[in-house]
């Protein structure tokens, strides 16, 4: 997830001469803001945030982070659908479970 929305021009993978994935291009990572891209449909609007901006927003909202999970596919999932293999290089989602702190 982190970086999935970073490239302003859309997702970009660097591949080797044989077509194998070398890495995901994280261009524009430090530039927060709106991105318009193809995600399920054309023209989907996403908002890119750096990891520190996400965590600091939660801190400022006075919540307690209970758990964080980067979605990484299982071997079984990849065996069923090879398109999930890229998520081993760059997870597409970061799930954060928070608890709202009580006012003092």
PDB file of N, CA and C in Angstrom:
ATOM      1  N   UNK A   1       0.813  -1.166   0.000  1.00  0.00           N
ATOM      2  CA  UNK A   1       0.000   0.000   0.000  1.00  0.00           C
ATOM      3  C   UNK A   1       0.856   1.228   0.000  1.00  0.00           C
ATOM      4  N   UNK A   2       1.824   1.183   0.884  1.00  0.00           N
ATOM      5  CA  UNK A   2       2.668   2.360   0.935  1.00  0.00           C
ATOM      6  C   UNK A   2       3.414   2.488  -0.374  1.00  0.00           C
ATOM      7  N   UNK A   3       3.153   3.537  -1.056  1.00  0.00           N
ATOM      8  CA  UNK A   3       3.801   3.740  -2.338  1.00  0.00           C
ATOM      9  C   UNK A   3       2.949   3.299  -3.508  1.00  0.00           C
ATOM     10  N   UNK A   4       1.894   2.535  -3.260  1.00  0.00           N
ATOM     11  CA  UNK A   4       1.066   2.061  -4.361  1.00  0.00           C
ATOM     12  C   UNK A   4       0.474   3.221  -5.137  1.00  0.00           C
ATOM     13  N   UNK A   5       0.176   4.287  -4.449  1.00  0.00           N
ATOM     14  CA  UNK A   5      -0.415   5.457  -5.093  1.00  0.00           C
ATOM     15  C   UNK A   5       0.614   6.539  -5.391  1.00  0.00           C
ATOM     16  N   UNK A   6       1.872   6.295  -5.083  1.00  0.00           N
ATOM     17  CA  UNK A   6       2.896   7.332  -5.195  1.00  0.00           C
ATOM     18  C   UNK A   6       3.083   7.901  -6.606  1.00  0.00           C
ATOM     19  N   UNK A   7       3.339   7.077  -7.623  1.00  0.00           N
ATOM     20  CA  UNK A   7       3.612   7.655  -8.943  1.00  0.00           C
ATOM     21  C   UNK A   7       2.428   8.455  -9.489  1.00  0.00           C
ATOM     22  N   UNK A   8       2.651   9.731  -9.753  1.00  0.00           N
ATOM     23  CA  UNK A   8       1.595  10.592 -10.270  1.00  0.00           C
ATOM     24  C   UNK A   8       1.076  10.069 -11.606  1.00  0.00           C
ATOM     25  N   UNK A   9       1.946   9.516 -12.422  1.00  0.00           N
ATOM     26  CA  UNK A   9       1.557   9.007 -13.747  1.00  0.00           C
ATOM     27  C   UNK A   9       0.963   7.595 -13.681  1.00  0.00           C
ATOM     28  N   UNK A  10       0.854   7.018 -12.496  1.00  0.00           N
ATOM     29  CA  UNK A  10       0.289   5.677 -12.353  1.00  0.00           C
ATOM     30  C   UNK A  10       1.359   4.652 -12.024  1.00  0.00           C
ATOM     31  N   UNK A  11       0.900   3.457 -11.677  1.00  0.00           N
ATOM     32  CA  UNK A  11       1.794   2.374 -11.266  1.00  0.00           C
ATOM     33  C   UNK A  11       2.838   2.078 -12.335  1.00  0.00           C
ATOM     34  N   UNK A  12       4.039   1.783 -11.863  1.00  0.00           N
ATOM     35  CA  UNK A  12       5.138   1.541 -12.791  1.00  0.00           C
ATOM     36  C   UNK A  12       6.110   0.521 -12.194  1.00  0.00           C
ATOM     37  N   UNK A  13       6.273  -0.594 -12.902  1.00  0.00           N
ATOM     38  CA  UNK A  13       7.193  -1.646 -12.479  1.00  0.00           C
ATOM     39  C   UNK A  13       8.415  -1.634 -13.375  1.00  0.00           C
ATOM     40  N   UNK A  14       9.599  -1.789 -12.784  1.00  0.00           N
ATOM     41  CA  UNK A  14      10.817  -1.952 -13.575  1.00  0.00           C
ATOM     42  C   UNK A  14      11.028  -3.447 -13.771  1.00  0.00           C
ATOM     43  N   UNK A  15      11.172  -3.837 -15.027  1.00  0.00           N
ATOM     44  CA  UNK A  15      11.348  -5.254 -15.345  1.00  0.00           C
ATOM     45  C   UNK A  15      12.702  -5.487 -15.996  1.00  0.00           C
ATOM     46  N   UNK A  16      13.236  -6.683 -15.797  1.00  0.00           N
ATOM     47  CA  UNK A  16      14.502  -7.061 -16.395  1.00  0.00           C
ATOM     48  C   UNK A  16      14.326  -7.417 -17.869  1.00  0.00           C
ATOM     49  N   UNK A  17      15.410  -7.760 -18.517  1.00  0.00           N
ATOM     50  CA  UNK A  17      15.384  -8.057 -19.953  1.00  0.00           C
ATOM     51  C   UNK A  17      14.503  -9.257 -20.293  1.00  0.00           C
ATOM     52  N   UNK A  18      14.275 -10.138 -19.330  1.00  0.00           N
ATOM     53  CA  UNK A  18      13.431 -11.312 -19.558  1.00  0.00           C
ATOM     54  C   UNK A  18      11.992 -11.087 -19.083  1.00  0.00           C
ATOM     55  N   UNK A  19      11.673  -9.855 -18.695  1.00  0.00           N
ATOM     56  CA  UNK A  19      10.321  -9.523 -18.261  1.00  0.00           C
ATOM     57  C   UNK A  19      10.049  -9.752 -16.785  1.00  0.00           C
ATOM     58  N   UNK A  20      11.057 -10.215 -16.068  1.00  0.00           N
ATOM     59  CA  UNK A  20      10.869 -10.452 -14.636  1.00  0.00           C
ATOM     60  C   UNK A  20      10.863  -9.135 -13.855  1.00  0.00           C
ATOM     61  N   UNK A  21      10.073  -9.084 -12.798  1.00  0.00           N
ATOM     62  CA  UNK A  21       9.970  -7.871 -11.983  1.00  0.00           C
ATOM     63  C   UNK A  21      11.248  -7.661 -11.194  1.00  0.00           C
ATOM     64  N   UNK A  22      11.794  -6.461 -11.296  1.00  0.00           N
ATOM     65  CA  UNK A  22      12.963  -6.091 -10.501  1.00  0.00           C
ATOM     66  C   UNK A  22      12.534  -5.281  -9.275  1.00  0.00           C
ATOM     67  N   UNK A  23      11.681  -4.267  -9.503  1.00  0.00           N
ATOM     68  CA  UNK A  23      11.134  -3.494  -8.385  1.00  0.00           C
ATOM     69  C   UNK A  23      10.041  -2.553  -8.861  1.00  0.00           C
ATOM     70  N   UNK A  24       9.334  -2.001  -7.890  1.00  0.00           N
ATOM     71  CA  UNK A  24       8.278  -1.027  -8.136  1.00  0.00           C
ATOM     72  C   UNK A  24       8.888   0.360  -8.060  1.00  0.00           C
ATOM     73  N   UNK A  25       8.561   1.211  -9.009  1.00  0.00           N
ATOM     74  CA  UNK A  25       9.081   2.576  -9.012  1.00  0.00           C
ATOM     75  C   UNK A  25       8.289   3.453  -8.046  1.00  0.00           C
ATOM     76  N   UNK A  26       8.975   4.014  -7.071  1.00  0.00           N
ATOM     77  CA  UNK A  26       8.327   4.862  -6.072  1.00  0.00           C
ATOM     78  C   UNK A  26       8.514   6.347  -6.366  1.00  0.00           C
ATOM     79  N   UNK A  27       8.493   6.688  -7.622  1.00  0.00           N
ATOM     80  CA  UNK A  27       8.618   8.102  -7.965  1.00  0.00           C
ATOM     81  C   UNK A  27       7.478   8.878  -7.319  1.00  0.00           C
ATOM     82  N   UNK A  28       7.723  10.106  -7.003  1.00  0.00           N
ATOM     83  CA  UNK A  28       6.721  11.024  -6.451  1.00  0.00           C
ATOM     84  C   UNK A  28       6.241  10.647  -5.047  1.00  0.00           C
ATOM     85  N   UNK A  29       6.947   9.747  -4.353  1.00  0.00           N
ATOM     86  CA  UNK A  29       6.500   9.274  -3.035  1.00  0.00           C
ATOM     87  C   UNK A  29       6.284  10.427  -2.056  1.00  0.00           C
ATOM     88  N   UNK A  30       7.172  11.414  -2.044  1.00  0.00           N
ATOM     89  CA  UNK A  30       7.087  12.500  -1.067  1.00  0.00           C
ATOM     90  C   UNK A  30       6.039  13.550  -1.431  1.00  0.00           C
ATOM     91  N   UNK A  31       5.434  13.434  -2.610  1.00  0.00           N
ATOM     92  CA  UNK A  31       4.431  14.410  -3.042  1.00  0.00           C
ATOM     93  C   UNK A  31       3.027  13.895  -2.715  1.00  0.00           C
ATOM     94  N   UNK A  32       2.500  14.341  -1.579  1.00  0.00           N
ATOM     95  CA  UNK A  32       1.159  13.934  -1.167  1.00  0.00           C
ATOM     96  C   UNK A  32       0.111  14.538  -2.083  1.00  0.00           C
ATOM     97  N   UNK A  33      -1.041  13.899  -2.146  1.00  0.00           N
ATOM     98  CA  UNK A  33      -2.150  14.500  -2.869  1.00  0.00           C
ATOM     99  C   UNK A  33      -2.948  13.534  -3.720  1.00  0.00           C
ATOM    100  N   UNK A  34      -3.866  14.125  -4.476  1.00  0.00           N
ATOM    101  CA  UNK A  34      -4.820  13.383  -5.285  1.00  0.00           C
ATOM    102  C   UNK A  34      -4.136  12.756  -6.499  1.00  0.00           C
ATOM    103  N   UNK A  35      -4.562  11.544  -6.803  1.00  0.00           N
ATOM    104  CA  UNK A  35      -4.099  10.837  -7.990  1.00  0.00           C
ATOM    105  C   UNK A  35      -5.331  10.334  -8.737  1.00  0.00           C
ATOM    106  N   UNK A  36      -5.340  10.491 -10.034  1.00  0.00           N
ATOM    107  CA  UNK A  36      -6.413   9.953 -10.866  1.00  0.00           C
ATOM    108  C   UNK A  36      -5.802   8.849 -11.707  1.00  0.00           C
ATOM    109  N   UNK A  37      -6.348   7.651 -11.611  1.00  0.00           N
ATOM    110  CA  UNK A  37      -5.726   6.498 -12.259  1.00  0.00           C
ATOM    111  C   UNK A  37      -6.770   5.460 -12.625  1.00  0.00           C
ATOM    112  N   UNK A  38      -6.312   4.391 -13.221  1.00  0.00           N
ATOM    113  CA  UNK A  38      -7.193   3.254 -13.482  1.00  0.00           C
ATOM    114  C   UNK A  38      -7.058   2.289 -12.312  1.00  0.00           C
ATOM    115  N   UNK A  39      -8.139   2.057 -11.631  1.00  0.00           N
ATOM    116  CA  UNK A  39      -8.199   1.074 -10.561  1.00  0.00           C
ATOM    117  C   UNK A  39      -9.608   0.520 -10.576  1.00  0.00           C
ATOM    118  N   UNK A  40      -9.776  -0.603 -11.168  1.00  0.00           N
ATOM    119  CA  UNK A  40     -11.053  -1.254 -11.447  1.00  0.00           C
ATOM    120  C   UNK A  40     -11.770  -0.529 -12.592  1.00  0.00           C
ATOM    121  N   UNK A  41     -11.864   0.791 -12.520  1.00  0.00           N
ATOM    122  CA  UNK A  41     -12.447   1.592 -13.596  1.00  0.00           C
ATOM    123  C   UNK A  41     -11.501   2.740 -13.920  1.00  0.00           C
ATOM    124  N   UNK A  42     -11.638   3.330 -15.087  1.00  0.00           N
ATOM    125  CA  UNK A  42     -10.847   4.505 -15.432  1.00  0.00           C
ATOM    126  C   UNK A  42     -11.282   5.700 -14.586  1.00  0.00           C
ATOM    127  N   UNK A  43     -10.339   6.560 -14.290  1.00  0.00           N
ATOM    128  CA  UNK A  43     -10.634   7.795 -13.583  1.00  0.00           C
ATOM    129  C   UNK A  43     -10.871   7.661 -12.089  1.00  0.00           C
ATOM    130  N   UNK A  44     -10.442   6.554 -11.495  1.00  0.00           N
ATOM    131  CA  UNK A  44     -10.587   6.400 -10.043  1.00  0.00           C
ATOM    132  C   UNK A  44      -9.707   7.441  -9.352  1.00  0.00           C
ATOM    133  N   UNK A  45     -10.252   8.078  -8.327  1.00  0.00           N
ATOM    134  CA  UNK A  45      -9.474   9.069  -7.599  1.00  0.00           C
ATOM    135  C   UNK A  45      -8.978   8.472  -6.293  1.00  0.00           C
ATOM    136  N   UNK A  46      -7.673   8.607  -6.085  1.00  0.00           N
ATOM    137  CA  UNK A  46      -7.032   8.125  -4.861  1.00  0.00           C
ATOM    138  C   UNK A  46      -6.275   9.300  -4.260  1.00  0.00           C
ATOM    139  N   UNK A  47      -5.933   9.148  -2.998  1.00  0.00           N
ATOM    140  CA  UNK A  47      -5.130  10.172  -2.336  1.00  0.00           C
ATOM    141  C   UNK A  47      -3.885   9.514  -1.766  1.00  0.00           C
ATOM    142  N   UNK A  48      -2.725   9.981  -2.215  1.00  0.00           N
ATOM    143  CA  UNK A  48      -1.461   9.432  -1.741  1.00  0.00           C
ATOM    144  C   UNK A  48      -1.017  10.179  -0.491  1.00  0.00           C
ATOM    145  N   UNK A  49      -0.577   9.407   0.497  1.00  0.00           N
ATOM    146  CA  UNK A  49      -0.006   9.960   1.725  1.00  0.00           C
ATOM    147  C   UNK A  49       1.244   9.159   2.056  1.00  0.00           C
ATOM    148  N   UNK A  50       2.237   9.814   2.611  1.00  0.00           N
ATOM    149  CA  UNK A  50       3.423   9.093   3.067  1.00  0.00           C
ATOM    150  C   UNK A  50       3.062   8.348   4.349  1.00  0.00           C
ATOM    151  N   UNK A  51       3.866   7.357   4.682  1.00  0.00           N
ATOM    152  CA  UNK A  51       3.622   6.570   5.886  1.00  0.00           C
ATOM    153  C   UNK A  51       3.610   7.470   7.118  1.00  0.00           C
ATOM    154  N   UNK A  52       4.553   8.387   7.206  1.00  0.00           N
ATOM    155  CA  UNK A  52       4.612   9.259   8.386  1.00  0.00           C
ATOM    156  C   UNK A  52       3.375  10.146   8.480  1.00  0.00           C
ATOM    157  N   UNK A  53       2.839  10.596   7.361  1.00  0.00           N
ATOM    158  CA  UNK A  53       1.634  11.419   7.413  1.00  0.00           C
ATOM    159  C   UNK A  53       0.441  10.603   7.913  1.00  0.00           C
ATOM    160  N   UNK A  54       0.341   9.358   7.502  1.00  0.00           N
ATOM    161  CA  UNK A  54      -0.747   8.486   7.952  1.00  0.00           C
ATOM    162  C   UNK A  54      -0.655   8.277   9.467  1.00  0.00           C
ATOM    163  N   UNK A  55       0.526   7.893   9.942  1.00  0.00           N
ATOM    164  CA  UNK A  55       0.701   7.609  11.371  1.00  0.00           C
ATOM    165  C   UNK A  55       0.528   8.881  12.204  1.00  0.00           C
ATOM    166  N   UNK A  56       1.095   9.997  11.747  1.00  0.00           N
ATOM    167  CA  UNK A  56       0.968  11.248  12.502  1.00  0.00           C
ATOM    168  C   UNK A  56      -0.485  11.717  12.575  1.00  0.00           C
ATOM    169  N   UNK A  57      -1.282  11.482  11.540  1.00  0.00           N
ATOM    170  CA  UNK A  57      -2.705  11.830  11.572  1.00  0.00           C
ATOM    171  C   UNK A  57      -3.428  11.021  12.648  1.00  0.00           C
ATOM    172  N   UNK A  58      -3.050   9.765  12.796  1.00  0.00           N
ATOM    173  CA  UNK A  58      -3.656   8.935  13.840  1.00  0.00           C
ATOM    174  C   UNK A  58      -3.236   9.413  15.232  1.00  0.00           C
ATOM    175  N   UNK A  59      -1.973   9.778  15.382  1.00  0.00           N
ATOM    176  CA  UNK A  59      -1.480  10.301  16.663  1.00  0.00           C
ATOM    177  C   UNK A  59      -2.236  11.582  17.019  1.00  0.00           C
ATOM    178  N   UNK A  60      -2.380  12.477  16.048  1.00  0.00           N
ATOM    179  CA  UNK A  60      -3.078  13.747  16.284  1.00  0.00           C
ATOM    180  C   UNK A  60      -4.563  13.544  16.582  1.00  0.00           C
ATOM    181  N   UNK A  61      -5.135  12.441  16.095  1.00  0.00           N
ATOM    182  CA  UNK A  61      -6.542  12.132  16.361  1.00  0.00           C
ATOM    183  C   UNK A  61      -6.719  11.448  17.715  1.00  0.00           C
ATOM    184  N   UNK A  62      -5.633  11.304  18.462  1.00  0.00           N
ATOM    185  CA  UNK A  62      -5.661  10.692  19.798  1.00  0.00           C
ATOM    186  C   UNK A  62      -6.228   9.281  19.797  1.00  0.00           C
ATOM    187  N   UNK A  63      -5.752   8.481  18.855  1.00  0.00           N
ATOM    188  CA  UNK A  63      -6.162   7.076  18.831  1.00  0.00           C
ATOM    189  C   UNK A  63      -4.965   6.210  19.188  1.00  0.00           C
ATOM    190  N   UNK A  64      -5.267   5.010  19.660  1.00  0.00           N
ATOM    191  CA  UNK A  64      -4.238   4.030  19.952  1.00  0.00           C
ATOM    192  C   UNK A  64      -4.230   3.019  18.822  1.00  0.00           C
ATOM    193  N   UNK A  65      -3.068   2.795  18.238  1.00  0.00           N
ATOM    194  CA  UNK A  65      -2.949   1.795  17.184  1.00  0.00           C
ATOM    195  C   UNK A  65      -2.917   0.425  17.853  1.00  0.00           C
ATOM    196  N   UNK A  66      -3.895  -0.418  17.523  1.00  0.00           N
ATOM    197  CA  UNK A  66      -3.962  -1.754  18.102  1.00  0.00           C
ATOM    198  C   UNK A  66      -3.275  -2.783  17.220  1.00  0.00           C
ATOM    199  N   UNK A  67      -3.343  -2.576  15.914  1.00  0.00           N
ATOM    200  CA  UNK A  67      -2.746  -3.552  15.015  1.00  0.00           C
ATOM    201  C   UNK A  67      -2.595  -2.950  13.625  1.00  0.00           C
ATOM    202  N   UNK A  68      -1.533  -3.366  12.935  1.00  0.00           N
ATOM    203  CA  UNK A  68      -1.320  -2.958  11.541  1.00  0.00           C
ATOM    204  C   UNK A  68      -1.064  -4.217  10.730  1.00  0.00           C
ATOM    205  N   UNK A  69      -1.577  -4.232   9.513  1.00  0.00           N
ATOM    206  CA  UNK A  69      -1.423  -5.385   8.646  1.00  0.00           C
ATOM    207  C   UNK A  69      -1.217  -4.927   7.209  1.00  0.00           C
ATOM    208  N   UNK A  70      -0.110  -5.354   6.617  1.00  0.00           N
ATOM    209  CA  UNK A  70       0.099  -5.152   5.192  1.00  0.00           C
ATOM    210  C   UNK A  70      -0.421  -6.414   4.512  1.00  0.00           C
ATOM    211  N   UNK A  71      -1.300  -6.241   3.555  1.00  0.00           N
ATOM    212  CA  UNK A  71      -1.913  -7.403   2.909  1.00  0.00           C
ATOM    213  C   UNK A  71      -0.919  -8.064   1.969  1.00  0.00           C
ATOM    214  N   UNK A  72      -0.525  -9.270   2.318  1.00  0.00           N
ATOM    215  CA  UNK A  72       0.430 -10.043   1.525  1.00  0.00           C
ATOM    216  C   UNK A  72      -0.243 -11.366   1.169  1.00  0.00           C
ATOM    217  N   UNK A  73      -0.272 -11.716  -0.108  1.00  0.00           N
ATOM    218  CA  UNK A  73      -0.972 -12.940  -0.516  1.00  0.00           C
ATOM    219  C   UNK A  73      -0.265 -14.205  -0.040  1.00  0.00           C
ATOM    220  N   UNK A  74      -1.058 -15.239   0.181  1.00  0.00           N
ATOM    221  CA  UNK A  74      -0.504 -16.540   0.550  1.00  0.00           C
ATOM    222  C   UNK A  74      -0.016 -17.251  -0.717  1.00  0.00           C
ATOM    223  N   UNK A  75       0.784 -18.277  -0.533  1.00  0.00           N
ATOM    224  CA  UNK A  75       1.240 -19.075  -1.673  1.00  0.00           C
ATOM    225  C   UNK A  75       0.057 -19.676  -2.415  1.00  0.00           C
ATOM    226  N   UNK A  76      -0.968 -20.082  -1.658  1.00  0.00           N
ATOM    227  CA  UNK A  76      -2.166 -20.666  -2.256  1.00  0.00           C
ATOM    228  C   UNK A  76      -2.896 -19.653  -3.148  1.00  0.00           C
ATOM    229  N   UNK A  77      -2.980 -18.407  -2.688  1.00  0.00           N
ATOM    230  CA  UNK A  77      -3.618 -17.356  -3.478  1.00  0.00           C
ATOM    231  C   UNK A  77      -2.866 -17.136  -4.789  1.00  0.00           C
ATOM    232  N   UNK A  78      -1.544 -17.072  -4.700  1.00  0.00           N
ATOM    233  CA  UNK A  78      -0.720 -16.861  -5.896  1.00  0.00           C
ATOM    234  C   UNK A  78      -0.832 -18.046  -6.847  1.00  0.00           C
ATOM    235  N   UNK A  79      -0.899 -19.240  -6.306  1.00  0.00           N
ATOM    236  CA  UNK A  79      -1.047 -20.427  -7.140  1.00  0.00           C
ATOM    237  C   UNK A  79      -2.359 -20.368  -7.925  1.00  0.00           C
ATOM    238  N   UNK A  80      -3.395 -19.862  -7.277  1.00  0.00           N
ATOM    239  CA  UNK A  80      -4.712 -19.744  -7.907  1.00  0.00           C
ATOM    240  C   UNK A  80      -4.747 -18.607  -8.926  1.00  0.00           C
ATOM    241  N   UNK A  81      -4.054 -17.503  -8.625  1.00  0.00           N
ATOM    242  CA  UNK A  81      -4.074 -16.319  -9.500  1.00  0.00           C
ATOM    243  C   UNK A  81      -2.708 -15.634  -9.446  1.00  0.00           C
ATOM    244  N   UNK A  82      -1.908 -15.823 -10.483  1.00  0.00           N
ATOM    245  CA  UNK A  82      -0.527 -15.294 -10.529  1.00  0.00           C
ATOM    246  C   UNK A  82      -0.454 -13.767 -10.437  1.00  0.00           C
ATOM    247  N   UNK A  83      -1.541 -13.072 -10.759  1.00  0.00           N
ATOM    248  CA  UNK A  83      -1.496 -11.608 -10.719  1.00  0.00           C
ATOM    249  C   UNK A  83      -1.252 -11.065  -9.308  1.00  0.00           C
ATOM    250  N   UNK A  84      -1.507 -11.879  -8.285  1.00  0.00           N
ATOM    251  CA  UNK A  84      -1.272 -11.456  -6.907  1.00  0.00           C
ATOM    252  C   UNK A  84       0.204 -11.481  -6.535  1.00  0.00           C
ATOM    253  N   UNK A  85       1.043 -12.060  -7.383  1.00  0.00           N
ATOM    254  CA  UNK A  85       2.463 -12.203  -7.074  1.00  0.00           C
ATOM    255  C   UNK A  85       3.155 -10.857  -6.865  1.00  0.00           C
ATOM    256  N   UNK A  86       2.712  -9.824  -7.566  1.00  0.00           N
ATOM    257  CA  UNK A  86       3.345  -8.507  -7.402  1.00  0.00           C
ATOM    258  C   UNK A  86       3.161  -7.951  -5.991  1.00  0.00           C
ATOM    259  N   UNK A  87       2.142  -8.441  -5.288  1.00  0.00           N
ATOM    260  CA  UNK A  87       1.931  -7.961  -3.921  1.00  0.00           C
ATOM    261  C   UNK A  87       3.027  -8.440  -2.964  1.00  0.00           C
ATOM    262  N   UNK A  88       3.850  -9.383  -3.396  1.00  0.00           N
ATOM    263  CA  UNK A  88       5.004  -9.788  -2.590  1.00  0.00           C
ATOM    264  C   UNK A  88       6.093  -8.720  -2.645  1.00  0.00           C
ATOM    265  N   UNK A  89       6.096  -7.920  -3.706  1.00  0.00           N
ATOM    266  CA  UNK A  89       7.070  -6.840  -3.863  1.00  0.00           C
ATOM    267  C   UNK A  89       6.591  -5.555  -3.205  1.00  0.00           C
ATOM    268  N   UNK A  90       5.282  -5.346  -3.265  1.00  0.00           N
ATOM    269  CA  UNK A  90       4.690  -4.110  -2.767  1.00  0.00           C
ATOM    270  C   UNK A  90       3.233  -4.380  -2.399  1.00  0.00           C
ATOM    271  N   UNK A  91       2.938  -4.535  -1.102  1.00  0.00           N
ATOM    272  CA  UNK A  91       1.545  -4.752  -0.712  1.00  0.00           C
ATOM    273  C   UNK A  91       0.680  -3.570  -1.158  1.00  0.00           C
ATOM    274  N   UNK A  92      -0.542  -3.850  -1.543  1.00  0.00           N
ATOM    275  CA  UNK A  92      -1.428  -2.797  -2.036  1.00  0.00           C
ATOM    276  C   UNK A  92      -2.242  -2.106  -0.952  1.00  0.00           C
ATOM    277  N   UNK A  93      -2.318  -2.704   0.220  1.00  0.00           N
ATOM    278  CA  UNK A  93      -3.144  -2.120   1.269  1.00  0.00           C
ATOM    279  C   UNK A  93      -2.431  -2.190   2.613  1.00  0.00           C
ATOM    280  N   UNK A  94      -2.689  -1.186   3.431  1.00  0.00           N
ATOM    281  CA  UNK A  94      -2.244  -1.164   4.816  1.00  0.00           C
ATOM    282  C   UNK A  94      -3.499  -1.011   5.661  1.00  0.00           C
ATOM    283  N   UNK A  95      -3.765  -2.002   6.468  1.00  0.00           N
ATOM    284  CA  UNK A  95      -4.937  -1.961   7.346  1.00  0.00           C
ATOM    285  C   UNK A  95      -4.467  -1.579   8.746  1.00  0.00           C
ATOM    286  N   UNK A  96      -5.152  -0.634   9.352  1.00  0.00           N
ATOM    287  CA  UNK A  96      -4.777  -0.170  10.685  1.00  0.00           C
ATOM    288  C   UNK A  96      -6.015  -0.214  11.576  1.00  0.00           C
ATOM    289  N   UNK A  97      -5.922  -0.986  12.652  1.00  0.00           N
ATOM    290  CA  UNK A  97      -7.007  -1.057  13.634  1.00  0.00           C
ATOM    291  C   UNK A  97      -6.644  -0.112  14.764  1.00  0.00           C
ATOM    292  N   UNK A  98      -7.545   0.840  15.043  1.00  0.00           N
ATOM    293  CA  UNK A  98      -7.280   1.833  16.086  1.00  0.00           C
ATOM    294  C   UNK A  98      -8.399   1.822  17.112  1.00  0.00           C
ATOM    295  N   UNK A  99      -8.079   2.332  18.277  1.00  0.00           N
ATOM    296  CA  UNK A  99      -9.039   2.488  19.357  1.00  0.00           C
ATOM    297  C   UNK A  99      -9.043   3.958  19.756  1.00  0.00           C
ATOM    298  N   UNK A 100     -10.209   4.568  19.725  1.00  0.00           N
ATOM    299  CA  UNK A 100     -10.326   5.963  20.107  1.00  0.00           C
ATOM    300  C   UNK A 100     -10.068   6.104  21.609  1.00  0.00           C
ATOM    301  N   UNK A 101      -9.146   6.961  21.970  1.00  0.00           N
ATOM    302  CA  UNK A 101      -8.819   7.183  23.383  1.00  0.00           C
ATOM    303  C   UNK A 101      -9.939   7.980  24.043  1.00  0.00           C
ATOM    304  N   UNK A 102     -10.223   7.658  25.303  1.00  0.00           N
ATOM    305  CA  UNK A 102     -11.231   8.382  26.048  1.00  0.00           C
ATOM    306  C   UNK A 102     -10.678   9.740  26.470  1.00  0.00           C
ATOM    307  N   UNK A 103     -11.546  10.718  26.476  1.00  0.00           N
ATOM    308  CA  UNK A 103     -11.165  12.068  26.910  1.00  0.00           C
ATOM    309  C   UNK A 103     -10.845  12.038  28.400  1.00  0.00           C
ATOM    310  N   UNK A 104      -9.840  12.788  28.805  1.00  0.00           N
ATOM    311  CA  UNK A 104      -9.461  12.861  30.227  1.00  0.00           C
ATOM    312  C   UNK A 104     -10.254  13.933  30.940  1.00  0.00           C
TER     313      UNK A 104
END
